[in-house]
């Protein structure tokens, strides 16, 4: 008996009989929803974890925003919902370790600067060209991008404060800073590649791409 004949003989199907044939969410969509759910549910616990390991609440908030940005960027690569929790834990620790390295680098730089004797005039002259290129490149970036980098990188303004000044969320501020860094990197690479004076900064870049 064909399905058509059976339908005529047996009558219309009961409500819900074909629900199993309806489109189901793809595994990727399920994973993304699970990641979003875990981010919402675990935010308070993650903040406590970071506060116990960092020197200030502002540092903890910055790392939490960087963690959220990393999860948004990396969630597309997940294929197994059972591994979401483990992946989030690893991503949080990586964001924390990145902050450790950044803070340690700043401390070492400050210590080295204090230990070094005053730089001779020749050394200061050698820095003038790279610093001038950096300053000019920042100025040539899209409106607001250079100022954003100056505040985030040079003045070390916390993301939450930047977000408040810009009238956006901290997560959006983190995305903008990330894109601004990439824009500066690409602009400096283009400038160094075309530089005729070949300062040390330009030469290092050219040696790396040779």
N, C-alpha and C. Protein backbone atom coordinates (compact mmCIF):
# COMPACT_ATOMS: atom_id res chain seq x y z
N UNK A 1 0.86 -1.20 0.00
CA UNK A 1 0.00 0.00 0.00
C UNK A 1 0.89 1.24 0.00
N UNK A 2 0.63 2.15 -0.93
CA UNK A 2 1.43 3.37 -1.00
C UNK A 2 1.01 4.33 0.11
N UNK A 3 1.87 5.36 0.32
CA UNK A 3 1.55 6.35 1.35
C UNK A 3 0.27 7.10 1.02
N UNK A 4 0.06 7.35 -0.29
CA UNK A 4 -1.16 8.07 -0.69
C UNK A 4 -2.38 7.22 -0.39
N UNK A 5 -2.33 5.90 -0.79
CA UNK A 5 -3.46 5.00 -0.52
C UNK A 5 -3.70 4.86 0.96
N UNK A 6 -2.59 4.74 1.73
CA UNK A 6 -2.74 4.60 3.18
C UNK A 6 -3.40 5.84 3.77
N UNK A 7 -3.03 7.03 3.22
CA UNK A 7 -3.63 8.26 3.73
C UNK A 7 -5.12 8.30 3.46
N UNK A 8 -5.53 7.77 2.30
CA UNK A 8 -6.96 7.78 1.98
C UNK A 8 -7.71 6.82 2.89
N UNK A 9 -7.12 5.64 3.11
CA UNK A 9 -7.79 4.62 3.91
C UNK A 9 -7.81 4.98 5.38
N UNK A 10 -6.66 5.45 5.88
CA UNK A 10 -6.54 5.66 7.33
C UNK A 10 -6.95 7.06 7.76
N UNK A 11 -7.11 7.97 6.80
CA UNK A 11 -7.50 9.32 7.18
C UNK A 11 -6.28 10.18 7.45
N UNK A 12 -6.50 11.44 7.77
CA UNK A 12 -5.38 12.37 8.00
C UNK A 12 -4.57 11.95 9.22
N UNK A 13 -3.27 12.28 9.24
CA UNK A 13 -2.43 11.91 10.37
C UNK A 13 -2.82 12.70 11.62
N UNK A 14 -2.48 12.13 12.74
CA UNK A 14 -2.74 12.80 14.01
C UNK A 14 -1.86 14.02 14.14
N UNK A 15 -2.33 15.06 14.88
CA UNK A 15 -1.51 16.26 15.08
C UNK A 15 -0.14 15.88 15.66
N UNK A 16 0.89 16.45 15.09
CA UNK A 16 2.23 16.20 15.60
C UNK A 16 2.88 14.95 15.09
N UNK A 17 2.20 14.24 14.16
CA UNK A 17 2.74 12.97 13.70
C UNK A 17 4.03 13.15 12.93
N UNK A 18 4.21 14.32 12.28
CA UNK A 18 5.39 14.53 11.46
C UNK A 18 6.36 15.54 12.08
N UNK A 19 6.25 15.78 13.38
CA UNK A 19 7.15 16.74 14.02
C UNK A 19 8.61 16.33 13.87
N UNK A 20 8.85 15.01 13.84
CA UNK A 20 10.24 14.55 13.74
C UNK A 20 10.86 14.87 12.39
N UNK A 21 10.00 15.26 11.40
CA UNK A 21 10.52 15.59 10.08
C UNK A 21 10.83 17.08 9.94
N UNK A 22 10.42 17.87 10.93
CA UNK A 22 10.67 19.31 10.86
C UNK A 22 12.15 19.59 10.98
N UNK A 23 12.58 20.74 10.44
CA UNK A 23 14.00 21.10 10.48
C UNK A 23 14.46 21.28 11.92
N UNK A 24 15.56 20.66 12.24
CA UNK A 24 16.13 20.77 13.57
C UNK A 24 17.33 21.72 13.52
N UNK A 25 17.64 22.35 14.67
CA UNK A 25 18.80 23.24 14.69
C UNK A 25 20.06 22.47 14.32
N UNK A 26 20.93 23.12 13.58
CA UNK A 26 22.19 22.49 13.23
C UNK A 26 23.07 22.38 14.48
N UNK A 27 24.02 21.45 14.49
CA UNK A 27 24.92 21.34 15.64
C UNK A 27 25.63 22.65 15.93
N UNK A 28 26.03 23.39 14.89
CA UNK A 28 26.72 24.66 15.12
C UNK A 28 25.82 25.66 15.83
N UNK A 29 24.55 25.74 15.40
CA UNK A 29 23.62 26.65 16.06
C UNK A 29 23.42 26.25 17.52
N UNK A 30 23.33 24.96 17.78
CA UNK A 30 23.18 24.48 19.15
C UNK A 30 24.39 24.86 19.99
N UNK A 31 25.58 24.73 19.40
CA UNK A 31 26.80 25.06 20.12
C UNK A 31 26.85 26.55 20.44
N UNK A 32 26.50 27.40 19.48
CA UNK A 32 26.53 28.84 19.71
C UNK A 32 25.55 29.25 20.80
N UNK A 33 24.36 28.63 20.80
CA UNK A 33 23.39 28.92 21.86
C UNK A 33 23.92 28.46 23.21
N UNK A 34 24.58 27.32 23.22
CA UNK A 34 25.14 26.81 24.47
C UNK A 34 26.25 27.72 24.99
N UNK A 35 27.09 28.22 24.09
CA UNK A 35 28.15 29.13 24.50
C UNK A 35 27.55 30.40 25.10
N UNK A 36 26.55 30.96 24.44
CA UNK A 36 25.90 32.18 24.95
C UNK A 36 25.28 31.93 26.32
N UNK A 37 24.67 30.77 26.48
CA UNK A 37 24.06 30.43 27.76
C UNK A 37 25.11 30.32 28.86
N UNK A 38 26.22 29.65 28.55
CA UNK A 38 27.28 29.50 29.54
C UNK A 38 27.92 30.84 29.89
N UNK A 39 28.03 31.73 28.92
CA UNK A 39 28.59 33.04 29.19
C UNK A 39 27.71 33.81 30.18
N UNK A 40 26.40 33.74 29.97
CA UNK A 40 25.49 34.45 30.87
C UNK A 40 25.51 33.84 32.27
N UNK A 41 25.44 32.53 32.32
CA UNK A 41 25.32 31.85 33.61
C UNK A 41 26.59 31.96 34.45
N UNK A 42 27.75 31.97 33.82
CA UNK A 42 29.00 31.91 34.57
C UNK A 42 29.72 33.22 34.76
N UNK A 43 29.09 34.34 34.41
CA UNK A 43 29.80 35.62 34.46
C UNK A 43 30.23 35.99 35.88
N UNK A 44 29.33 35.83 36.85
CA UNK A 44 29.67 36.20 38.23
C UNK A 44 30.81 35.33 38.77
N UNK A 45 30.75 34.04 38.50
CA UNK A 45 31.80 33.15 38.96
C UNK A 45 33.14 33.47 38.32
N UNK A 46 33.13 33.81 37.05
CA UNK A 46 34.39 34.15 36.37
C UNK A 46 34.97 35.45 36.93
N UNK A 47 34.11 36.40 37.26
CA UNK A 47 34.60 37.64 37.84
C UNK A 47 35.27 37.37 39.19
N UNK A 48 34.68 36.52 40.01
CA UNK A 48 35.30 36.17 41.30
C UNK A 48 36.65 35.49 41.07
N UNK A 49 36.70 34.60 40.09
CA UNK A 49 37.94 33.89 39.77
C UNK A 49 39.04 34.89 39.38
N UNK A 50 38.69 35.86 38.53
CA UNK A 50 39.68 36.83 38.08
C UNK A 50 40.06 37.82 39.18
N UNK A 51 39.09 38.24 39.99
CA UNK A 51 39.39 39.18 41.07
C UNK A 51 40.36 38.58 42.07
N UNK A 52 40.29 37.27 42.26
CA UNK A 52 41.20 36.61 43.22
C UNK A 52 42.61 36.48 42.68
N UNK A 53 42.80 36.78 41.39
CA UNK A 53 44.11 36.57 40.76
C UNK A 53 44.71 37.83 40.15
N UNK A 54 43.97 38.93 40.17
CA UNK A 54 44.46 40.17 39.58
C UNK A 54 44.46 41.29 40.61
N UNK A 55 45.23 42.32 40.33
CA UNK A 55 45.47 43.36 41.33
C UNK A 55 44.31 44.32 41.50
N UNK A 56 43.42 44.43 40.52
CA UNK A 56 42.33 45.39 40.62
C UNK A 56 41.09 44.87 39.91
N UNK A 57 39.96 45.46 40.28
CA UNK A 57 38.71 45.09 39.62
C UNK A 57 38.72 45.50 38.15
N UNK A 58 39.35 46.63 37.86
CA UNK A 58 39.41 47.08 36.47
C UNK A 58 40.17 46.08 35.61
N UNK A 59 41.27 45.53 36.14
CA UNK A 59 42.01 44.50 35.40
C UNK A 59 41.12 43.29 35.15
N UNK A 60 40.37 42.88 36.19
CA UNK A 60 39.50 41.71 36.06
C UNK A 60 38.41 41.97 35.02
N UNK A 61 37.84 43.17 35.02
CA UNK A 61 36.80 43.49 34.04
C UNK A 61 37.37 43.49 32.63
N UNK A 62 38.58 44.01 32.48
CA UNK A 62 39.21 44.02 31.15
C UNK A 62 39.44 42.59 30.65
N UNK A 63 39.94 41.72 31.52
CA UNK A 63 40.20 40.33 31.11
C UNK A 63 38.89 39.64 30.78
N UNK A 64 37.84 39.93 31.55
CA UNK A 64 36.55 39.31 31.29
C UNK A 64 36.03 39.73 29.92
N UNK A 65 36.22 40.99 29.55
CA UNK A 65 35.78 41.45 28.24
C UNK A 65 36.64 40.83 27.13
N UNK A 66 37.94 40.71 27.38
CA UNK A 66 38.81 40.06 26.39
C UNK A 66 38.42 38.59 26.22
N UNK A 67 38.06 37.94 27.32
CA UNK A 67 37.61 36.55 27.26
C UNK A 67 36.33 36.44 26.44
N UNK A 68 35.39 37.35 26.67
CA UNK A 68 34.13 37.32 25.91
C UNK A 68 34.40 37.52 24.42
N UNK A 69 35.33 38.40 24.10
CA UNK A 69 35.67 38.64 22.70
C UNK A 69 36.30 37.39 22.07
N UNK A 70 37.18 36.73 22.81
CA UNK A 70 37.81 35.51 22.30
C UNK A 70 36.78 34.41 22.07
N UNK A 71 35.79 34.30 22.95
CA UNK A 71 34.78 33.25 22.78
C UNK A 71 33.91 33.52 21.57
N UNK A 72 33.56 34.79 21.36
CA UNK A 72 32.74 35.14 20.19
C UNK A 72 33.51 34.82 18.90
N UNK A 73 34.81 35.12 18.90
CA UNK A 73 35.61 34.88 17.71
C UNK A 73 35.90 33.40 17.48
N UNK A 74 35.99 32.62 18.56
CA UNK A 74 36.40 31.23 18.43
C UNK A 74 35.28 30.21 18.46
N UNK A 75 34.07 30.62 18.84
CA UNK A 75 32.98 29.65 18.98
C UNK A 75 32.64 28.96 17.67
N UNK A 76 32.86 29.63 16.55
CA UNK A 76 32.54 29.04 15.25
C UNK A 76 33.37 27.78 14.97
N UNK A 77 34.51 27.65 15.64
CA UNK A 77 35.37 26.50 15.38
C UNK A 77 34.99 25.27 16.19
N UNK A 78 34.08 25.43 17.16
CA UNK A 78 33.68 24.30 17.99
C UNK A 78 32.76 23.35 17.21
N UNK A 79 32.95 22.06 17.43
CA UNK A 79 32.12 21.06 16.74
C UNK A 79 31.44 20.09 17.69
N UNK A 80 31.82 20.10 18.97
CA UNK A 80 31.28 19.14 19.93
C UNK A 80 30.70 19.88 21.13
N UNK A 81 29.37 19.85 21.32
CA UNK A 81 28.76 20.55 22.46
C UNK A 81 29.30 20.08 23.80
N UNK A 82 29.75 18.83 23.88
CA UNK A 82 30.25 18.29 25.14
C UNK A 82 31.56 18.95 25.57
N UNK A 83 32.23 19.62 24.64
CA UNK A 83 33.52 20.23 24.94
C UNK A 83 33.43 21.73 25.20
N UNK A 84 32.23 22.28 25.20
CA UNK A 84 32.07 23.73 25.36
C UNK A 84 32.61 24.20 26.70
N UNK A 85 32.25 23.53 27.79
CA UNK A 85 32.67 23.97 29.12
C UNK A 85 34.19 23.94 29.26
N UNK A 86 34.81 22.87 28.79
CA UNK A 86 36.27 22.77 28.87
C UNK A 86 36.93 23.86 28.03
N UNK A 87 36.37 24.11 26.84
CA UNK A 87 36.93 25.14 25.97
C UNK A 87 36.81 26.53 26.60
N UNK A 88 35.69 26.82 27.24
CA UNK A 88 35.52 28.11 27.90
C UNK A 88 36.52 28.28 29.04
N UNK A 89 36.76 27.21 29.80
CA UNK A 89 37.72 27.29 30.90
C UNK A 89 39.13 27.57 30.38
N UNK A 90 39.51 26.89 29.32
CA UNK A 90 40.84 27.10 28.73
C UNK A 90 40.95 28.52 28.18
N UNK A 91 39.90 29.00 27.52
CA UNK A 91 39.91 30.35 26.94
C UNK A 91 40.04 31.41 28.02
N UNK A 92 39.35 31.21 29.15
CA UNK A 92 39.45 32.16 30.27
C UNK A 92 40.87 32.19 30.83
N UNK A 93 41.45 31.02 31.02
CA UNK A 93 42.82 30.96 31.55
C UNK A 93 43.82 31.58 30.57
N UNK A 94 43.61 31.38 29.29
CA UNK A 94 44.50 31.98 28.30
C UNK A 94 44.41 33.51 28.34
N UNK A 95 43.19 34.02 28.49
CA UNK A 95 43.02 35.47 28.60
C UNK A 95 43.70 36.00 29.86
N UNK A 96 43.61 35.24 30.95
CA UNK A 96 44.27 35.64 32.19
C UNK A 96 45.79 35.62 32.03
N UNK A 97 46.33 34.57 31.41
CA UNK A 97 47.77 34.47 31.20
C UNK A 97 48.28 35.57 30.27
N UNK A 98 47.45 35.94 29.28
CA UNK A 98 47.84 37.05 28.40
C UNK A 98 48.00 38.34 29.21
N UNK A 99 47.10 38.55 30.17
CA UNK A 99 47.21 39.74 31.02
C UNK A 99 48.44 39.65 31.92
N UNK A 100 48.72 38.46 32.45
CA UNK A 100 49.93 38.28 33.25
C UNK A 100 51.17 38.68 32.45
N UNK A 101 51.25 38.15 31.22
CA UNK A 101 52.42 38.44 30.39
C UNK A 101 52.51 39.94 30.07
N UNK A 102 51.36 40.55 29.80
CA UNK A 102 51.36 41.97 29.48
C UNK A 102 51.82 42.79 30.68
N UNK A 103 51.30 42.47 31.85
CA UNK A 103 51.70 43.19 33.06
C UNK A 103 53.17 42.97 33.38
N UNK A 104 53.62 41.72 33.23
CA UNK A 104 55.02 41.41 33.51
C UNK A 104 55.93 42.14 32.53
N UNK A 105 55.51 42.21 31.26
CA UNK A 105 56.31 42.92 30.27
C UNK A 105 56.44 44.39 30.61
N UNK A 106 55.36 44.99 31.10
CA UNK A 106 55.41 46.40 31.46
C UNK A 106 56.32 46.62 32.65
N UNK A 107 56.26 45.70 33.62
CA UNK A 107 57.13 45.82 34.79
C UNK A 107 58.59 45.70 34.39
N UNK A 108 58.89 44.69 33.54
CA UNK A 108 60.27 44.52 33.10
C UNK A 108 60.76 45.73 32.31
N UNK A 109 59.88 46.29 31.49
CA UNK A 109 60.26 47.47 30.71
C UNK A 109 60.55 48.65 31.63
N UNK A 110 59.71 48.83 32.64
CA UNK A 110 59.94 49.92 33.59
C UNK A 110 61.24 49.73 34.36
N UNK A 111 61.47 48.48 34.80
CA UNK A 111 62.71 48.20 35.53
C UNK A 111 63.94 48.41 34.66
N UNK A 112 63.84 47.96 33.41
CA UNK A 112 64.97 48.13 32.50
C UNK A 112 65.24 49.60 32.22
N UNK A 113 64.16 50.36 32.07
CA UNK A 113 64.33 51.79 31.80
C UNK A 113 64.97 52.50 32.98
N UNK A 114 64.60 52.08 34.20
CA UNK A 114 65.19 52.69 35.39
C UNK A 114 66.65 52.30 35.56
N UNK A 115 66.99 51.07 35.16
CA UNK A 115 68.36 50.59 35.33
C UNK A 115 69.31 51.11 34.27
N UNK A 116 68.77 51.47 33.10
CA UNK A 116 69.62 51.92 32.01
C UNK A 116 70.12 53.34 32.26
N UNK A 117 71.38 53.59 31.91
CA UNK A 117 71.87 54.98 31.98
C UNK A 117 71.18 55.83 30.92
N UNK A 118 71.33 57.10 31.06
CA UNK A 118 70.70 58.01 30.10
C UNK A 118 71.19 57.69 28.69
N UNK A 119 70.27 57.63 27.75
CA UNK A 119 70.62 57.28 26.38
C UNK A 119 71.44 58.39 25.74
N UNK A 120 72.48 58.02 24.99
CA UNK A 120 73.25 59.05 24.29
C UNK A 120 72.42 59.72 23.21
N UNK A 121 72.88 60.85 22.76
CA UNK A 121 72.14 61.60 21.75
C UNK A 121 71.95 60.78 20.48
N UNK A 122 72.97 59.96 20.12
CA UNK A 122 72.86 59.15 18.92
C UNK A 122 71.68 58.18 19.00
N UNK A 123 71.50 57.55 20.18
CA UNK A 123 70.41 56.60 20.35
C UNK A 123 69.06 57.29 20.24
N UNK A 124 68.97 58.49 20.82
CA UNK A 124 67.71 59.21 20.73
C UNK A 124 67.41 59.59 19.28
N UNK A 125 68.45 59.91 18.52
CA UNK A 125 68.25 60.27 17.12
C UNK A 125 67.76 59.07 16.32
N UNK A 126 68.27 57.86 16.65
CA UNK A 126 67.86 56.66 15.94
C UNK A 126 66.38 56.35 16.15
N UNK A 127 65.84 56.79 17.28
CA UNK A 127 64.43 56.52 17.58
C UNK A 127 63.49 57.54 16.93
N UNK A 128 64.03 58.65 16.50
CA UNK A 128 63.17 59.71 15.99
C UNK A 128 62.38 59.26 14.76
N UNK A 129 63.04 58.56 13.83
CA UNK A 129 62.36 58.15 12.60
C UNK A 129 61.24 57.15 12.86
N UNK A 130 61.51 56.05 13.62
CA UNK A 130 60.41 55.12 13.89
C UNK A 130 59.25 55.76 14.64
N UNK A 131 59.57 56.61 15.62
CA UNK A 131 58.50 57.25 16.39
C UNK A 131 57.71 58.23 15.52
N UNK A 132 58.41 58.91 14.62
CA UNK A 132 57.71 59.82 13.71
C UNK A 132 56.79 59.04 12.78
N UNK A 133 57.28 57.87 12.29
CA UNK A 133 56.43 57.03 11.43
C UNK A 133 55.20 56.55 12.18
N UNK A 134 55.39 56.12 13.43
CA UNK A 134 54.27 55.64 14.23
C UNK A 134 53.26 56.76 14.46
N UNK A 135 53.76 57.95 14.82
CA UNK A 135 52.86 59.08 15.07
C UNK A 135 52.09 59.45 13.80
N UNK A 136 52.79 59.48 12.67
CA UNK A 136 52.13 59.83 11.41
C UNK A 136 51.09 58.77 11.02
N UNK A 137 51.44 57.50 11.25
CA UNK A 137 50.50 56.42 10.90
C UNK A 137 49.25 56.49 11.75
N UNK A 138 49.41 56.77 13.04
CA UNK A 138 48.25 56.92 13.91
C UNK A 138 47.35 58.04 13.42
N UNK A 139 47.96 59.12 12.97
CA UNK A 139 47.19 60.27 12.49
C UNK A 139 46.43 59.94 11.21
N UNK A 140 47.02 59.06 10.37
CA UNK A 140 46.42 58.74 9.08
C UNK A 140 45.33 57.68 9.16
N UNK A 141 45.18 57.03 10.31
CA UNK A 141 44.13 56.03 10.44
C UNK A 141 42.75 56.70 10.40
N UNK A 142 41.72 55.88 10.30
CA UNK A 142 40.36 56.42 10.26
C UNK A 142 40.09 57.29 11.49
N UNK A 143 39.22 58.29 11.35
CA UNK A 143 38.93 59.19 12.47
C UNK A 143 38.54 58.40 13.73
N UNK A 144 39.20 58.75 14.83
CA UNK A 144 38.91 58.10 16.10
C UNK A 144 39.77 56.89 16.39
N UNK A 145 40.31 56.23 15.36
CA UNK A 145 41.08 55.01 15.58
C UNK A 145 42.39 55.31 16.29
N UNK A 146 43.10 56.35 15.83
CA UNK A 146 44.36 56.71 16.47
C UNK A 146 44.17 57.12 17.92
N UNK A 147 43.15 57.94 18.19
CA UNK A 147 42.87 58.36 19.57
C UNK A 147 42.52 57.17 20.44
N UNK A 148 41.77 56.21 19.88
CA UNK A 148 41.39 55.02 20.63
C UNK A 148 42.63 54.23 21.02
N UNK A 149 43.58 54.07 20.09
CA UNK A 149 44.81 53.33 20.38
C UNK A 149 45.68 54.07 21.40
N UNK A 150 45.74 55.37 21.29
CA UNK A 150 46.53 56.14 22.25
C UNK A 150 46.01 55.94 23.68
N UNK A 151 44.69 55.96 23.80
CA UNK A 151 44.10 55.81 25.13
C UNK A 151 44.23 54.39 25.65
N UNK A 152 43.99 53.40 24.76
CA UNK A 152 44.00 52.00 25.19
C UNK A 152 45.41 51.49 25.43
N UNK A 153 46.37 51.86 24.57
CA UNK A 153 47.71 51.29 24.62
C UNK A 153 48.70 52.18 25.36
N UNK A 154 48.71 53.46 25.06
CA UNK A 154 49.70 54.35 25.67
C UNK A 154 49.27 54.82 27.05
N UNK A 155 48.01 55.17 27.19
CA UNK A 155 47.52 55.64 28.49
C UNK A 155 46.97 54.51 29.35
N UNK A 156 46.82 53.30 28.76
CA UNK A 156 46.32 52.11 29.46
C UNK A 156 44.97 52.36 30.12
N UNK A 157 44.08 53.04 29.39
CA UNK A 157 42.74 53.30 29.90
C UNK A 157 41.94 52.00 29.90
N UNK A 158 41.31 51.62 31.02
CA UNK A 158 40.52 50.38 31.06
C UNK A 158 39.40 50.38 30.03
N UNK A 159 39.08 49.19 29.54
CA UNK A 159 38.03 49.07 28.52
C UNK A 159 36.70 49.63 29.00
N UNK A 160 36.37 49.39 30.25
CA UNK A 160 35.07 49.85 30.75
C UNK A 160 34.99 51.37 30.71
N UNK A 161 36.09 52.03 31.04
CA UNK A 161 36.08 53.49 30.99
C UNK A 161 36.00 53.98 29.54
N UNK A 162 36.73 53.33 28.65
CA UNK A 162 36.64 53.69 27.24
C UNK A 162 35.21 53.53 26.73
N UNK A 163 34.59 52.41 27.12
CA UNK A 163 33.22 52.14 26.68
C UNK A 163 32.27 53.23 27.18
N UNK A 164 32.44 53.63 28.44
CA UNK A 164 31.59 54.68 28.99
C UNK A 164 31.75 55.99 28.25
N UNK A 165 33.00 56.34 27.92
CA UNK A 165 33.25 57.59 27.21
C UNK A 165 32.68 57.56 25.79
N UNK A 166 32.70 56.37 25.19
CA UNK A 166 32.21 56.24 23.81
C UNK A 166 30.71 55.96 23.74
N UNK A 167 30.11 55.64 24.88
CA UNK A 167 28.68 55.34 24.89
C UNK A 167 28.34 53.99 24.29
N UNK A 168 29.27 53.01 24.46
CA UNK A 168 29.05 51.66 23.93
C UNK A 168 29.32 50.66 25.05
N UNK A 169 29.07 49.38 24.76
CA UNK A 169 29.34 48.35 25.75
C UNK A 169 30.83 48.06 25.80
N UNK A 170 31.27 47.47 26.91
CA UNK A 170 32.68 47.12 27.06
C UNK A 170 33.10 46.10 26.01
N UNK A 171 32.19 45.20 25.66
CA UNK A 171 32.50 44.21 24.65
C UNK A 171 32.75 44.87 23.29
N UNK A 172 31.90 45.83 22.95
CA UNK A 172 32.09 46.55 21.70
C UNK A 172 33.38 47.36 21.71
N UNK A 173 33.72 47.91 22.87
CA UNK A 173 34.99 48.65 22.98
C UNK A 173 36.17 47.71 22.75
N UNK A 174 36.09 46.49 23.29
CA UNK A 174 37.15 45.52 23.06
C UNK A 174 37.30 45.17 21.59
N UNK A 175 36.18 45.03 20.89
CA UNK A 175 36.21 44.74 19.46
C UNK A 175 36.86 45.89 18.70
N UNK A 176 36.51 47.12 19.07
CA UNK A 176 37.08 48.27 18.37
C UNK A 176 38.58 48.37 18.59
N UNK A 177 39.04 48.11 19.81
CA UNK A 177 40.47 48.16 20.10
C UNK A 177 41.20 47.08 19.31
N UNK A 178 40.61 45.89 19.25
CA UNK A 178 41.22 44.79 18.50
C UNK A 178 41.35 45.17 17.02
N UNK A 179 40.31 45.74 16.45
CA UNK A 179 40.35 46.13 15.03
C UNK A 179 41.32 47.28 14.81
N UNK A 180 41.40 48.18 15.79
CA UNK A 180 42.33 49.31 15.66
C UNK A 180 43.77 48.82 15.67
N UNK A 181 44.09 47.85 16.53
CA UNK A 181 45.44 47.29 16.55
C UNK A 181 45.78 46.67 15.20
N UNK A 182 44.85 45.93 14.63
CA UNK A 182 45.10 45.28 13.35
C UNK A 182 45.28 46.32 12.25
N UNK A 183 44.48 47.40 12.28
CA UNK A 183 44.61 48.46 11.29
C UNK A 183 45.97 49.13 11.40
N UNK A 184 46.45 49.37 12.62
CA UNK A 184 47.76 49.99 12.81
C UNK A 184 48.86 49.05 12.33
N UNK A 185 48.75 47.77 12.63
CA UNK A 185 49.77 46.80 12.21
C UNK A 185 49.90 46.79 10.69
N UNK A 186 48.75 46.74 9.99
CA UNK A 186 48.78 46.71 8.54
C UNK A 186 49.33 48.02 7.96
N UNK A 187 48.95 49.14 8.57
CA UNK A 187 49.42 50.43 8.07
C UNK A 187 50.93 50.58 8.28
N UNK A 188 51.44 50.12 9.42
CA UNK A 188 52.87 50.20 9.67
C UNK A 188 53.65 49.26 8.75
N UNK A 189 53.10 48.10 8.48
CA UNK A 189 53.77 47.19 7.54
C UNK A 189 53.87 47.81 6.16
N UNK A 190 52.80 48.43 5.71
CA UNK A 190 52.82 49.08 4.39
C UNK A 190 53.82 50.23 4.37
N UNK A 191 53.86 51.00 5.44
CA UNK A 191 54.79 52.13 5.50
C UNK A 191 56.24 51.65 5.52
N UNK A 192 56.51 50.62 6.33
CA UNK A 192 57.88 50.11 6.43
C UNK A 192 58.34 49.50 5.12
N UNK A 193 57.43 48.79 4.43
CA UNK A 193 57.79 48.16 3.17
C UNK A 193 58.16 49.19 2.11
N UNK A 194 57.55 50.37 2.19
CA UNK A 194 57.80 51.41 1.19
C UNK A 194 58.83 52.44 1.64
N UNK A 195 59.37 52.24 2.85
CA UNK A 195 60.28 53.24 3.43
C UNK A 195 61.62 53.22 2.70
N UNK A 196 62.12 54.40 2.35
CA UNK A 196 63.40 54.50 1.64
C UNK A 196 64.58 54.67 2.59
N UNK A 197 64.31 55.15 3.82
CA UNK A 197 65.41 55.41 4.76
C UNK A 197 65.88 54.15 5.48
N UNK A 198 65.02 53.16 5.55
CA UNK A 198 65.35 51.87 6.15
C UNK A 198 65.91 52.02 7.57
N UNK A 199 65.10 52.56 8.46
CA UNK A 199 65.47 52.58 9.86
C UNK A 199 65.45 51.15 10.40
N UNK A 200 65.85 50.96 11.64
CA UNK A 200 65.93 49.61 12.19
C UNK A 200 64.56 48.94 12.19
N UNK A 201 63.52 49.70 12.49
CA UNK A 201 62.17 49.13 12.51
C UNK A 201 61.77 48.63 11.13
N UNK A 202 62.02 49.43 10.10
CA UNK A 202 61.68 49.02 8.75
C UNK A 202 62.52 47.82 8.31
N UNK A 203 63.81 47.83 8.67
CA UNK A 203 64.67 46.73 8.26
C UNK A 203 64.24 45.42 8.90
N UNK A 204 63.82 45.46 10.16
CA UNK A 204 63.34 44.23 10.82
C UNK A 204 62.12 43.68 10.09
N UNK A 205 61.22 44.56 9.71
CA UNK A 205 60.03 44.09 8.99
C UNK A 205 60.42 43.49 7.65
N UNK A 206 61.31 44.15 6.91
CA UNK A 206 61.71 43.65 5.60
C UNK A 206 62.45 42.32 5.72
N UNK A 207 63.25 42.18 6.76
CA UNK A 207 63.96 40.90 6.97
C UNK A 207 62.97 39.78 7.27
N UNK A 208 61.88 40.11 7.99
CA UNK A 208 60.90 39.09 8.38
C UNK A 208 60.10 38.58 7.18
N UNK A 209 59.85 39.45 6.22
CA UNK A 209 59.03 39.04 5.08
C UNK A 209 59.88 38.59 3.89
N UNK A 210 61.19 38.72 4.01
CA UNK A 210 62.06 38.33 2.88
C UNK A 210 62.02 36.83 2.64
